[in-house]
Each structure stands twice: as structure tokens, then as C-alpha cells.
N, C-alpha and C. Protein backbone atom coordinates (compact mmCIF):
# COMPACT_ATOMS: atom_id res chain seq x y z
N MET A 1 47.87 16.41 35.82
CA MET A 1 48.43 15.67 34.71
C MET A 1 47.53 14.45 34.42
N PRO A 2 47.18 14.17 33.14
CA PRO A 2 46.28 13.05 32.87
C PRO A 2 46.92 11.71 33.17
N LYS A 3 46.05 10.80 33.61
CA LYS A 3 46.52 9.44 33.91
C LYS A 3 46.70 8.68 32.61
N THR A 4 47.67 7.87 32.54
CA THR A 4 47.84 7.00 31.38
C THR A 4 47.15 5.68 31.68
N PHE A 5 46.99 4.86 30.65
CA PHE A 5 46.31 3.57 30.81
C PHE A 5 47.01 2.70 31.85
N SER A 6 48.30 2.72 31.88
CA SER A 6 49.02 1.86 32.82
C SER A 6 48.84 2.30 34.26
N LYS A 7 48.48 3.56 34.49
CA LYS A 7 48.32 4.04 35.87
C LYS A 7 46.88 3.92 36.36
N LEU A 8 45.91 3.50 35.49
CA LEU A 8 44.51 3.34 35.91
C LEU A 8 44.37 2.07 36.74
N SER A 9 43.57 2.18 37.79
CA SER A 9 43.29 0.96 38.57
C SER A 9 42.33 0.09 37.78
N SER A 10 42.29 -1.18 38.09
CA SER A 10 41.41 -2.10 37.37
C SER A 10 39.95 -1.74 37.58
N SER A 11 39.56 -1.27 38.75
CA SER A 11 38.16 -0.89 38.99
C SER A 11 37.80 0.36 38.20
N THR A 12 38.71 1.32 38.09
CA THR A 12 38.46 2.53 37.30
C THR A 12 38.36 2.16 35.82
N PHE A 13 39.24 1.31 35.35
CA PHE A 13 39.20 0.84 33.97
C PHE A 13 37.87 0.15 33.67
N PHE A 14 37.41 -0.74 34.54
CA PHE A 14 36.13 -1.44 34.38
C PHE A 14 34.98 -0.45 34.34
N PHE A 15 35.00 0.54 35.22
CA PHE A 15 33.95 1.56 35.26
C PHE A 15 33.87 2.31 33.93
N HIS A 16 35.02 2.74 33.41
CA HIS A 16 35.05 3.48 32.14
C HIS A 16 34.58 2.60 30.98
N CYS A 17 34.98 1.35 30.95
CA CYS A 17 34.52 0.43 29.89
C CYS A 17 33.02 0.22 29.96
N THR A 18 32.49 0.03 31.16
CA THR A 18 31.05 -0.16 31.35
C THR A 18 30.29 1.08 30.89
N LEU A 19 30.78 2.25 31.27
CA LEU A 19 30.15 3.50 30.87
C LEU A 19 30.13 3.64 29.35
N LEU A 20 31.25 3.35 28.71
CA LEU A 20 31.31 3.39 27.25
C LEU A 20 30.34 2.41 26.61
N PHE A 21 30.27 1.19 27.13
CA PHE A 21 29.37 0.17 26.60
C PHE A 21 27.91 0.62 26.67
N PHE A 22 27.47 1.09 27.83
CA PHE A 22 26.07 1.49 27.99
C PHE A 22 25.73 2.73 27.20
N SER A 23 26.66 3.67 27.10
CA SER A 23 26.36 4.87 26.30
C SER A 23 26.29 4.51 24.82
N ALA A 24 27.11 3.58 24.37
CA ALA A 24 27.08 3.17 22.96
C ALA A 24 25.82 2.38 22.63
N THR A 25 25.40 1.50 23.53
CA THR A 25 24.23 0.66 23.22
C THR A 25 22.93 1.42 23.41
N SER A 26 22.84 2.36 24.33
CA SER A 26 21.57 3.03 24.56
C SER A 26 21.34 4.16 23.56
N SER A 27 22.36 4.92 23.21
CA SER A 27 22.15 6.04 22.30
C SER A 27 22.39 5.67 20.84
N GLY A 28 23.16 4.63 20.58
CA GLY A 28 23.50 4.27 19.21
C GLY A 28 22.58 3.24 18.61
N SER A 29 21.63 2.73 19.35
CA SER A 29 20.75 1.69 18.83
C SER A 29 19.71 2.31 17.91
N PHE A 30 19.38 1.64 16.83
CA PHE A 30 18.36 2.15 15.91
C PHE A 30 17.00 1.48 16.11
N SER A 31 16.90 0.57 17.08
CA SER A 31 15.60 -0.08 17.29
C SER A 31 15.34 -0.32 18.77
N ASN A 32 14.09 -0.37 19.11
CA ASN A 32 13.64 -0.67 20.47
C ASN A 32 12.41 -1.56 20.38
N ILE A 33 12.22 -2.40 21.37
CA ILE A 33 10.99 -3.19 21.46
C ILE A 33 10.01 -2.37 22.28
N LEU A 34 8.83 -2.14 21.73
CA LEU A 34 7.83 -1.30 22.36
C LEU A 34 6.58 -2.10 22.70
N SER A 35 5.87 -1.62 23.67
CA SER A 35 4.60 -2.24 24.03
C SER A 35 3.48 -1.62 23.19
N PRO A 36 2.64 -2.44 22.54
CA PRO A 36 1.51 -1.88 21.78
C PRO A 36 0.60 -1.02 22.65
N LYS A 37 0.50 -1.35 23.93
CA LYS A 37 -0.37 -0.58 24.83
C LYS A 37 0.10 0.85 24.97
N LYS A 38 1.42 1.07 24.85
CA LYS A 38 1.99 2.42 24.96
C LYS A 38 1.41 3.34 23.90
N PHE A 39 1.01 2.77 22.75
CA PHE A 39 0.46 3.55 21.65
C PHE A 39 -1.06 3.48 21.59
N GLY A 40 -1.68 2.97 22.63
CA GLY A 40 -3.14 2.89 22.67
C GLY A 40 -3.71 1.80 21.79
N LEU A 41 -2.89 0.84 21.37
CA LEU A 41 -3.38 -0.23 20.50
C LEU A 41 -4.09 -1.27 21.35
N LYS A 42 -5.28 -1.59 20.91
CA LYS A 42 -6.09 -2.56 21.64
C LYS A 42 -6.14 -3.86 20.86
N ARG A 43 -7.16 -4.61 21.06
CA ARG A 43 -7.32 -5.89 20.39
C ARG A 43 -7.54 -5.68 18.88
N GLU A 44 -6.93 -6.54 18.08
CA GLU A 44 -7.03 -6.45 16.64
C GLU A 44 -8.44 -6.80 16.16
N LYS A 45 -8.89 -6.08 15.10
CA LYS A 45 -10.21 -6.33 14.50
C LYS A 45 -10.02 -6.79 13.05
N LEU A 46 -11.01 -7.48 12.55
CA LEU A 46 -11.05 -7.85 11.14
C LEU A 46 -12.21 -7.10 10.51
N THR A 47 -11.91 -6.31 9.46
CA THR A 47 -12.94 -5.52 8.79
C THR A 47 -13.06 -5.96 7.34
N HIS A 48 -14.32 -6.02 6.86
CA HIS A 48 -14.59 -6.32 5.45
C HIS A 48 -15.12 -5.05 4.80
N LEU A 49 -14.49 -4.63 3.72
CA LEU A 49 -14.93 -3.47 2.95
C LEU A 49 -15.35 -3.95 1.56
N HIS A 50 -16.43 -3.38 1.05
CA HIS A 50 -16.93 -3.76 -0.27
C HIS A 50 -17.21 -2.47 -1.05
N PHE A 51 -16.60 -2.35 -2.22
CA PHE A 51 -16.79 -1.15 -3.03
C PHE A 51 -16.45 -1.46 -4.49
N TYR A 52 -16.68 -0.46 -5.36
CA TYR A 52 -16.42 -0.61 -6.79
C TYR A 52 -15.40 0.44 -7.22
N PHE A 53 -14.43 -0.01 -7.99
CA PHE A 53 -13.29 0.76 -8.48
C PHE A 53 -13.60 1.13 -9.92
N HIS A 54 -13.60 2.42 -10.25
CA HIS A 54 -13.93 2.88 -11.61
C HIS A 54 -12.66 3.40 -12.28
N ASP A 55 -12.15 2.65 -13.26
CA ASP A 55 -10.94 3.02 -13.98
C ASP A 55 -11.36 3.55 -15.34
N ILE A 56 -11.30 4.87 -15.52
CA ILE A 56 -11.74 5.51 -16.75
C ILE A 56 -10.51 6.02 -17.50
N VAL A 57 -10.18 5.35 -18.61
CA VAL A 57 -9.00 5.75 -19.39
C VAL A 57 -9.36 6.48 -20.68
N SER A 58 -10.62 6.36 -21.12
CA SER A 58 -11.08 7.00 -22.36
C SER A 58 -12.32 7.83 -22.07
N SER A 59 -12.15 9.09 -21.88
CA SER A 59 -13.26 10.03 -21.72
C SER A 59 -12.67 11.43 -21.71
N ARG A 60 -13.54 12.41 -21.61
CA ARG A 60 -13.09 13.79 -21.51
C ARG A 60 -12.30 14.02 -20.22
N ASN A 61 -12.70 13.33 -19.16
CA ASN A 61 -12.05 13.45 -17.85
C ASN A 61 -11.58 12.08 -17.37
N PRO A 62 -10.48 11.59 -17.92
CA PRO A 62 -10.01 10.26 -17.49
C PRO A 62 -9.56 10.27 -16.03
N THR A 63 -9.70 9.11 -15.38
CA THR A 63 -9.24 8.98 -13.99
C THR A 63 -7.91 8.23 -13.93
N ALA A 64 -7.45 7.73 -15.07
CA ALA A 64 -6.15 7.07 -15.17
C ALA A 64 -5.51 7.47 -16.49
N ILE A 65 -4.25 7.89 -16.42
CA ILE A 65 -3.56 8.35 -17.62
C ILE A 65 -2.19 7.68 -17.73
N PRO A 66 -1.73 7.44 -18.97
CA PRO A 66 -0.39 6.88 -19.14
C PRO A 66 0.66 7.95 -18.84
N VAL A 67 1.67 7.56 -18.07
CA VAL A 67 2.75 8.50 -17.75
C VAL A 67 4.09 8.04 -18.30
N ALA A 68 4.18 6.78 -18.72
CA ALA A 68 5.41 6.26 -19.32
C ALA A 68 5.09 5.01 -20.12
N SER A 69 5.92 4.77 -21.13
CA SER A 69 5.82 3.52 -21.88
C SER A 69 7.16 3.27 -22.57
N ALA A 70 7.32 2.06 -23.05
CA ALA A 70 8.54 1.67 -23.74
C ALA A 70 8.30 1.68 -25.24
N ALA A 71 9.36 1.67 -26.01
CA ALA A 71 9.23 1.63 -27.47
C ALA A 71 8.44 0.40 -27.92
N LEU A 72 8.57 -0.70 -27.18
CA LEU A 72 7.88 -1.94 -27.54
C LEU A 72 6.41 -1.99 -27.10
N THR A 73 5.98 -1.05 -26.28
CA THR A 73 4.63 -1.10 -25.71
C THR A 73 3.56 -1.17 -26.80
N ASN A 74 3.66 -0.34 -27.83
CA ASN A 74 2.64 -0.31 -28.88
C ASN A 74 2.60 -1.59 -29.70
N LYS A 75 3.68 -2.35 -29.73
CA LYS A 75 3.74 -3.61 -30.48
C LYS A 75 3.31 -4.81 -29.62
N SER A 76 3.18 -4.59 -28.31
CA SER A 76 2.87 -5.68 -27.38
C SER A 76 1.37 -5.91 -27.31
N HIS A 77 0.94 -7.17 -27.38
CA HIS A 77 -0.50 -7.47 -27.26
C HIS A 77 -0.98 -7.35 -25.81
N THR A 78 -0.04 -7.18 -24.85
CA THR A 78 -0.44 -7.02 -23.44
C THR A 78 -0.21 -5.59 -22.94
N GLY A 79 0.31 -4.71 -23.81
CA GLY A 79 0.63 -3.35 -23.38
C GLY A 79 1.85 -3.30 -22.47
N PHE A 80 2.68 -4.32 -22.55
CA PHE A 80 3.85 -4.44 -21.68
C PHE A 80 4.67 -3.16 -21.66
N GLY A 81 4.90 -2.64 -20.45
CA GLY A 81 5.74 -1.46 -20.29
C GLY A 81 4.99 -0.18 -20.02
N VAL A 82 3.68 -0.16 -20.24
CA VAL A 82 2.95 1.09 -19.98
C VAL A 82 2.77 1.27 -18.47
N VAL A 83 2.93 2.50 -18.02
CA VAL A 83 2.74 2.86 -16.61
C VAL A 83 1.62 3.90 -16.54
N MET A 84 0.62 3.63 -15.72
CA MET A 84 -0.54 4.51 -15.59
C MET A 84 -0.58 5.13 -14.19
N MET A 85 -0.94 6.39 -14.12
CA MET A 85 -1.18 7.08 -12.86
C MET A 85 -2.70 7.18 -12.71
N ALA A 86 -3.20 6.80 -11.53
CA ALA A 86 -4.65 6.73 -11.34
C ALA A 86 -5.11 7.53 -10.13
N ASP A 87 -6.28 8.10 -10.29
CA ASP A 87 -7.03 8.73 -9.21
C ASP A 87 -8.48 8.28 -9.42
N ASP A 88 -8.70 6.98 -9.23
CA ASP A 88 -9.97 6.34 -9.58
C ASP A 88 -10.98 6.43 -8.44
N PRO A 89 -12.23 6.79 -8.75
CA PRO A 89 -13.26 6.80 -7.71
C PRO A 89 -13.60 5.40 -7.21
N LEU A 90 -13.89 5.32 -5.93
CA LEU A 90 -14.40 4.11 -5.29
C LEU A 90 -15.82 4.42 -4.87
N THR A 91 -16.77 3.59 -5.32
CA THR A 91 -18.17 3.86 -5.01
C THR A 91 -18.83 2.67 -4.32
N ALA A 92 -19.96 2.94 -3.70
CA ALA A 92 -20.69 1.91 -2.95
C ALA A 92 -21.38 0.91 -3.87
N ALA A 93 -21.66 1.29 -5.11
CA ALA A 93 -22.35 0.42 -6.07
C ALA A 93 -21.65 0.55 -7.43
N PRO A 94 -21.97 -0.35 -8.38
CA PRO A 94 -21.30 -0.29 -9.69
C PRO A 94 -21.59 0.97 -10.50
N ASP A 95 -22.72 1.62 -10.25
CA ASP A 95 -23.08 2.84 -10.97
C ASP A 95 -22.09 3.94 -10.59
N PRO A 96 -21.45 4.59 -11.58
CA PRO A 96 -20.47 5.63 -11.27
C PRO A 96 -21.07 6.82 -10.51
N ASN A 97 -22.39 6.97 -10.58
CA ASN A 97 -23.04 8.07 -9.86
C ASN A 97 -23.48 7.67 -8.45
N SER A 98 -23.17 6.44 -8.03
CA SER A 98 -23.53 6.02 -6.68
C SER A 98 -22.60 6.71 -5.67
N LYS A 99 -22.88 6.50 -4.40
CA LYS A 99 -22.16 7.18 -3.33
C LYS A 99 -20.65 6.96 -3.41
N LEU A 100 -19.88 8.05 -3.42
CA LEU A 100 -18.43 8.00 -3.43
C LEU A 100 -17.95 7.67 -2.02
N VAL A 101 -17.12 6.61 -1.89
CA VAL A 101 -16.59 6.22 -0.57
C VAL A 101 -15.09 6.46 -0.46
N GLY A 102 -14.44 6.79 -1.59
CA GLY A 102 -13.01 7.06 -1.55
C GLY A 102 -12.41 7.11 -2.93
N LYS A 103 -11.08 7.08 -2.95
CA LYS A 103 -10.33 7.10 -4.21
C LYS A 103 -9.22 6.06 -4.15
N ALA A 104 -8.91 5.47 -5.31
CA ALA A 104 -7.74 4.61 -5.46
C ALA A 104 -6.69 5.47 -6.15
N GLN A 105 -5.66 5.84 -5.42
CA GLN A 105 -4.65 6.75 -5.94
C GLN A 105 -3.30 6.04 -5.97
N GLY A 106 -2.68 6.03 -7.15
CA GLY A 106 -1.38 5.38 -7.27
C GLY A 106 -1.06 5.06 -8.71
N ILE A 107 -0.28 4.00 -8.87
CA ILE A 107 0.12 3.61 -10.21
C ILE A 107 -0.20 2.13 -10.45
N TYR A 108 -0.42 1.82 -11.72
CA TYR A 108 -0.42 0.43 -12.13
C TYR A 108 0.32 0.35 -13.46
N ALA A 109 0.98 -0.75 -13.66
CA ALA A 109 1.81 -0.90 -14.84
C ALA A 109 1.66 -2.30 -15.42
N SER A 110 1.71 -2.38 -16.74
CA SER A 110 1.65 -3.68 -17.40
C SER A 110 3.02 -4.34 -17.26
N ALA A 111 3.06 -5.41 -16.47
CA ALA A 111 4.34 -6.03 -16.10
C ALA A 111 4.50 -7.45 -16.62
N ALA A 112 3.61 -7.88 -17.51
CA ALA A 112 3.70 -9.24 -18.04
C ALA A 112 3.70 -9.20 -19.57
N GLN A 113 4.47 -10.08 -20.17
CA GLN A 113 4.55 -10.13 -21.64
C GLN A 113 3.60 -11.14 -22.26
N ASP A 114 3.17 -12.14 -21.47
CA ASP A 114 2.34 -13.20 -22.04
C ASP A 114 0.87 -13.12 -21.64
N GLU A 115 0.52 -12.18 -20.78
CA GLU A 115 -0.88 -11.96 -20.38
C GLU A 115 -1.00 -10.51 -19.92
N VAL A 116 -2.23 -10.03 -19.74
CA VAL A 116 -2.41 -8.70 -19.19
C VAL A 116 -2.31 -8.84 -17.67
N GLY A 117 -1.12 -8.59 -17.17
CA GLY A 117 -0.83 -8.71 -15.75
C GLY A 117 -0.26 -7.40 -15.25
N LEU A 118 -0.94 -6.80 -14.30
CA LEU A 118 -0.54 -5.48 -13.81
C LEU A 118 0.18 -5.56 -12.47
N LEU A 119 1.12 -4.68 -12.29
CA LEU A 119 1.69 -4.40 -10.98
C LEU A 119 0.85 -3.26 -10.42
N MET A 120 0.22 -3.47 -9.27
CA MET A 120 -0.64 -2.46 -8.65
C MET A 120 0.05 -1.89 -7.42
N VAL A 121 0.17 -0.58 -7.36
CA VAL A 121 0.72 0.13 -6.20
C VAL A 121 -0.27 1.25 -5.92
N MET A 122 -1.20 1.01 -4.99
CA MET A 122 -2.32 1.92 -4.77
C MET A 122 -2.53 2.25 -3.30
N ASN A 123 -2.94 3.47 -3.06
CA ASN A 123 -3.48 3.84 -1.76
C ASN A 123 -4.98 3.93 -1.93
N LEU A 124 -5.71 3.18 -1.12
CA LEU A 124 -7.17 3.25 -1.11
C LEU A 124 -7.51 4.27 -0.03
N ALA A 125 -7.79 5.50 -0.46
CA ALA A 125 -8.02 6.61 0.46
C ALA A 125 -9.52 6.79 0.65
N PHE A 126 -10.01 6.57 1.88
CA PHE A 126 -11.45 6.59 2.15
C PHE A 126 -11.92 7.97 2.59
N THR A 127 -13.14 8.31 2.16
CA THR A 127 -13.71 9.64 2.43
C THR A 127 -15.08 9.55 3.10
N GLU A 128 -15.50 8.37 3.45
CA GLU A 128 -16.87 8.17 3.94
C GLU A 128 -16.90 7.58 5.34
N GLY A 129 -17.85 8.07 6.14
CA GLY A 129 -18.13 7.49 7.45
C GLY A 129 -16.94 7.52 8.39
N LYS A 130 -16.85 6.52 9.25
CA LYS A 130 -15.79 6.50 10.26
C LYS A 130 -14.41 6.29 9.65
N TYR A 131 -14.33 5.84 8.39
CA TYR A 131 -13.04 5.63 7.74
C TYR A 131 -12.55 6.86 6.98
N ASN A 132 -13.31 7.96 7.02
CA ASN A 132 -12.91 9.20 6.36
C ASN A 132 -11.52 9.62 6.86
N GLY A 133 -10.58 9.80 5.93
CA GLY A 133 -9.22 10.18 6.28
C GLY A 133 -8.28 9.02 6.51
N SER A 134 -8.79 7.81 6.50
CA SER A 134 -7.97 6.61 6.67
C SER A 134 -7.66 6.02 5.29
N SER A 135 -6.58 5.26 5.21
CA SER A 135 -6.23 4.66 3.93
C SER A 135 -5.62 3.28 4.12
N LEU A 136 -5.67 2.50 3.04
CA LEU A 136 -5.02 1.20 2.98
C LEU A 136 -4.04 1.21 1.82
N SER A 137 -2.92 0.54 1.98
CA SER A 137 -1.91 0.45 0.92
C SER A 137 -1.95 -0.95 0.31
N LEU A 138 -2.16 -0.99 -1.00
CA LEU A 138 -2.25 -2.24 -1.75
C LEU A 138 -1.03 -2.34 -2.65
N LEU A 139 -0.40 -3.49 -2.66
CA LEU A 139 0.76 -3.73 -3.51
C LEU A 139 0.71 -5.16 -3.98
N GLY A 140 0.55 -5.37 -5.28
CA GLY A 140 0.49 -6.76 -5.73
C GLY A 140 0.31 -6.90 -7.22
N ARG A 141 0.12 -8.15 -7.62
CA ARG A 141 -0.04 -8.54 -9.01
C ARG A 141 -1.51 -8.70 -9.33
N ASN A 142 -1.93 -8.17 -10.48
CA ASN A 142 -3.32 -8.21 -10.89
C ASN A 142 -3.41 -8.78 -12.31
N PRO A 143 -3.60 -10.11 -12.44
CA PRO A 143 -3.80 -10.70 -13.77
C PRO A 143 -5.24 -10.42 -14.23
N VAL A 144 -5.40 -9.38 -15.01
CA VAL A 144 -6.70 -8.76 -15.30
C VAL A 144 -7.78 -9.73 -15.77
N PHE A 145 -7.44 -10.73 -16.58
CA PHE A 145 -8.47 -11.61 -17.12
C PHE A 145 -8.74 -12.84 -16.26
N SER A 146 -8.15 -12.92 -15.09
CA SER A 146 -8.52 -13.97 -14.13
C SER A 146 -9.84 -13.56 -13.50
N ARG A 147 -10.67 -14.55 -13.21
CA ARG A 147 -12.00 -14.25 -12.64
C ARG A 147 -11.89 -13.45 -11.36
N VAL A 148 -11.10 -13.91 -10.41
CA VAL A 148 -10.89 -13.20 -9.14
C VAL A 148 -9.38 -13.08 -8.94
N ARG A 149 -8.95 -11.87 -8.64
CA ARG A 149 -7.54 -11.61 -8.36
C ARG A 149 -7.37 -11.25 -6.90
N GLU A 150 -6.29 -11.73 -6.30
CA GLU A 150 -6.02 -11.45 -4.89
C GLU A 150 -4.72 -10.68 -4.77
N MET A 151 -4.79 -9.55 -4.06
CA MET A 151 -3.61 -8.70 -3.87
C MET A 151 -3.46 -8.37 -2.40
N PRO A 152 -2.23 -8.29 -1.91
CA PRO A 152 -2.00 -8.02 -0.49
C PRO A 152 -2.26 -6.57 -0.10
N ILE A 153 -2.79 -6.41 1.10
CA ILE A 153 -2.83 -5.10 1.77
C ILE A 153 -1.60 -5.09 2.67
N VAL A 154 -0.72 -4.13 2.46
CA VAL A 154 0.57 -4.14 3.16
C VAL A 154 0.69 -3.09 4.26
N GLY A 155 -0.34 -2.29 4.47
CA GLY A 155 -0.29 -1.29 5.52
C GLY A 155 -1.47 -0.35 5.42
N GLY A 156 -1.44 0.67 6.26
CA GLY A 156 -2.52 1.63 6.25
C GLY A 156 -2.24 2.80 7.16
N SER A 157 -3.19 3.72 7.20
CA SER A 157 -3.07 4.89 8.06
C SER A 157 -4.42 5.18 8.71
N GLY A 158 -4.42 6.07 9.69
CA GLY A 158 -5.65 6.41 10.39
C GLY A 158 -6.18 5.22 11.15
N LEU A 159 -7.46 4.89 10.96
CA LEU A 159 -8.04 3.72 11.64
C LEU A 159 -7.44 2.41 11.15
N PHE A 160 -6.69 2.46 10.05
CA PHE A 160 -6.07 1.25 9.50
C PHE A 160 -4.56 1.17 9.79
N ARG A 161 -4.09 1.86 10.82
CA ARG A 161 -2.67 1.74 11.19
C ARG A 161 -2.33 0.29 11.48
N PHE A 162 -1.19 -0.14 11.07
CA PHE A 162 -0.70 -1.52 11.23
C PHE A 162 -1.57 -2.54 10.49
N ALA A 163 -2.27 -2.11 9.44
CA ALA A 163 -3.16 -3.01 8.71
C ALA A 163 -2.39 -4.06 7.93
N ARG A 164 -3.04 -5.20 7.79
CA ARG A 164 -2.56 -6.28 6.93
C ARG A 164 -3.78 -7.07 6.49
N GLY A 165 -3.71 -7.61 5.29
CA GLY A 165 -4.84 -8.37 4.79
C GLY A 165 -4.72 -8.58 3.29
N TYR A 166 -5.87 -8.67 2.64
CA TYR A 166 -5.87 -8.88 1.20
C TYR A 166 -7.12 -8.28 0.57
N ALA A 167 -6.99 -8.00 -0.73
CA ALA A 167 -8.11 -7.49 -1.51
C ALA A 167 -8.40 -8.50 -2.62
N GLN A 168 -9.68 -8.77 -2.84
CA GLN A 168 -10.09 -9.59 -3.97
C GLN A 168 -10.76 -8.68 -4.98
N ALA A 169 -10.28 -8.72 -6.21
CA ALA A 169 -10.83 -7.90 -7.28
C ALA A 169 -11.51 -8.80 -8.30
N LYS A 170 -12.68 -8.37 -8.74
CA LYS A 170 -13.45 -9.13 -9.72
C LYS A 170 -14.03 -8.13 -10.72
N THR A 171 -13.73 -8.31 -12.00
CA THR A 171 -14.21 -7.36 -13.01
C THR A 171 -15.73 -7.41 -13.09
N HIS A 172 -16.35 -6.24 -12.94
CA HIS A 172 -17.80 -6.12 -13.07
C HIS A 172 -18.13 -5.85 -14.54
N THR A 173 -17.48 -4.82 -15.12
CA THR A 173 -17.64 -4.53 -16.55
C THR A 173 -16.29 -4.08 -17.10
N LEU A 174 -16.04 -4.43 -18.36
CA LEU A 174 -14.84 -4.00 -19.06
C LEU A 174 -15.21 -3.74 -20.50
N ASP A 175 -14.96 -2.53 -20.98
CA ASP A 175 -15.20 -2.17 -22.37
C ASP A 175 -13.86 -2.32 -23.09
N LEU A 176 -13.73 -3.36 -23.92
CA LEU A 176 -12.47 -3.64 -24.60
C LEU A 176 -12.10 -2.56 -25.61
N LYS A 177 -13.09 -1.80 -26.12
CA LYS A 177 -12.80 -0.71 -27.06
C LYS A 177 -12.16 0.48 -26.36
N THR A 178 -12.73 0.86 -25.23
CA THR A 178 -12.26 2.07 -24.54
C THR A 178 -11.22 1.75 -23.46
N GLY A 179 -11.27 0.55 -22.92
CA GLY A 179 -10.39 0.20 -21.80
C GLY A 179 -10.97 0.58 -20.45
N ASN A 180 -12.14 1.21 -20.45
CA ASN A 180 -12.78 1.61 -19.19
C ASN A 180 -13.30 0.36 -18.46
N ALA A 181 -13.15 0.37 -17.15
CA ALA A 181 -13.54 -0.81 -16.37
C ALA A 181 -14.15 -0.40 -15.03
N VAL A 182 -15.04 -1.26 -14.55
CA VAL A 182 -15.57 -1.18 -13.20
C VAL A 182 -15.21 -2.51 -12.54
N VAL A 183 -14.53 -2.43 -11.42
CA VAL A 183 -14.03 -3.63 -10.75
C VAL A 183 -14.59 -3.68 -9.33
N GLU A 184 -15.18 -4.82 -8.98
CA GLU A 184 -15.71 -5.02 -7.63
C GLU A 184 -14.57 -5.45 -6.72
N TYR A 185 -14.46 -4.80 -5.56
CA TYR A 185 -13.43 -5.12 -4.57
C TYR A 185 -14.06 -5.58 -3.27
N ASN A 186 -13.53 -6.66 -2.73
CA ASN A 186 -13.81 -7.11 -1.37
C ASN A 186 -12.47 -7.11 -0.65
N VAL A 187 -12.37 -6.31 0.39
CA VAL A 187 -11.11 -6.15 1.12
C VAL A 187 -11.32 -6.67 2.53
N TYR A 188 -10.41 -7.54 2.97
CA TYR A 188 -10.43 -8.10 4.30
C TYR A 188 -9.15 -7.66 4.99
N VAL A 189 -9.29 -6.91 6.09
CA VAL A 189 -8.10 -6.32 6.69
C VAL A 189 -8.13 -6.43 8.22
N PHE A 190 -7.00 -6.88 8.78
CA PHE A 190 -6.80 -6.86 10.22
C PHE A 190 -6.19 -5.51 10.59
N HIS A 191 -6.69 -4.89 11.63
CA HIS A 191 -6.16 -3.61 12.11
C HIS A 191 -6.55 -3.44 13.58
N TYR A 192 -5.98 -2.45 14.21
CA TYR A 192 -6.28 -2.16 15.62
C TYR A 192 -7.41 -1.17 15.74
């Protein structure tokens, strides 16, 4: 016959409560503190990457295309509301035929009404050298006509796991008729 609560001894009651507490906290927890060494993480490094971003919106083979816009976008002097999907080449030099080092894949959108200010959400996917297969995630504001723009690096993959840092973008060339641009990037990133 099962024991009722009133018939349990205090030591048995304490044992059952302790068991319930530990089973609830060990299996029901959604977080743990881990040692970086457990994952093979060593001392953090600072890496500088330098490349050129080619945004081609007007050509037979564009690398960035509009995927959404608002009714007001065509009336806006800043293109407010347009959303572009990009698969832009990253090269070692400003010449589009120079060595390809990766791709900038993601979206950018005109998010400002009083200036050309973009929201950038990009993966910088590298295809060259020891960084082949690694990527950095960039998320930030890009006021296009500022001389130098700074955007955060918020993460990465491969050799850039746990990355953090910033990217500085500086327009190399911009054709106001076509919208095509070449942008110089200097990226400074801490990673393991």
C-alpha cells in the first residue's frame, strides 16, 4: 500500500525533495558554463582583412537585385524602402578581374529618409587561402556618402568562430548613373 505524506519520515521526505531538486536543475536547465579549452579554443587573435566589394546593379549579370520596395520608394530621393539581395564578388584589388577572395552574400536596404543610409546584413564568405570556407557576419548601418563607414562584425564561422570586430568601408568608385560601385573594405576581427 502506498505511503501517504503524513506517514513519510522527515529523512525520506528530505531525500525525495533533494532528488526532485537536482533532477529538475540538471535536466531542465537551458544553459551551462563551458570551458573554452573543451572546444579547442586557444588564445584570441586579431586579423586584418583588406578587399574590394563589387556591387553591380546595372549590367547583363547584376550581382545585386531589388527584391522588394514600397509604393513611396520611386518618389524618395534616397530610395527609402528598397530591399536588395546581393551576391557581390570580393576581390584583392579594385579591378573586377583581380583575384576573387570571396563573396558578400545577403541583403541591404535603404533605411533612411533624409540620406542614403543602408541597413547591411551580409555574410562575407571567403574562398581563398586558409580562410576558404570561413565567413564573417556583418550587421550595421552604412551611410553611403560618408567618407568612411564603420559596421560591426557580429560573428563568424570556420576559422572565424566567435568572431567580433568591425569593418570600415570606403567608396572607391561609384557611378551615379548606373548605381554600380566598388567599395574598399578593411576588416579588423578578433577570433580564436
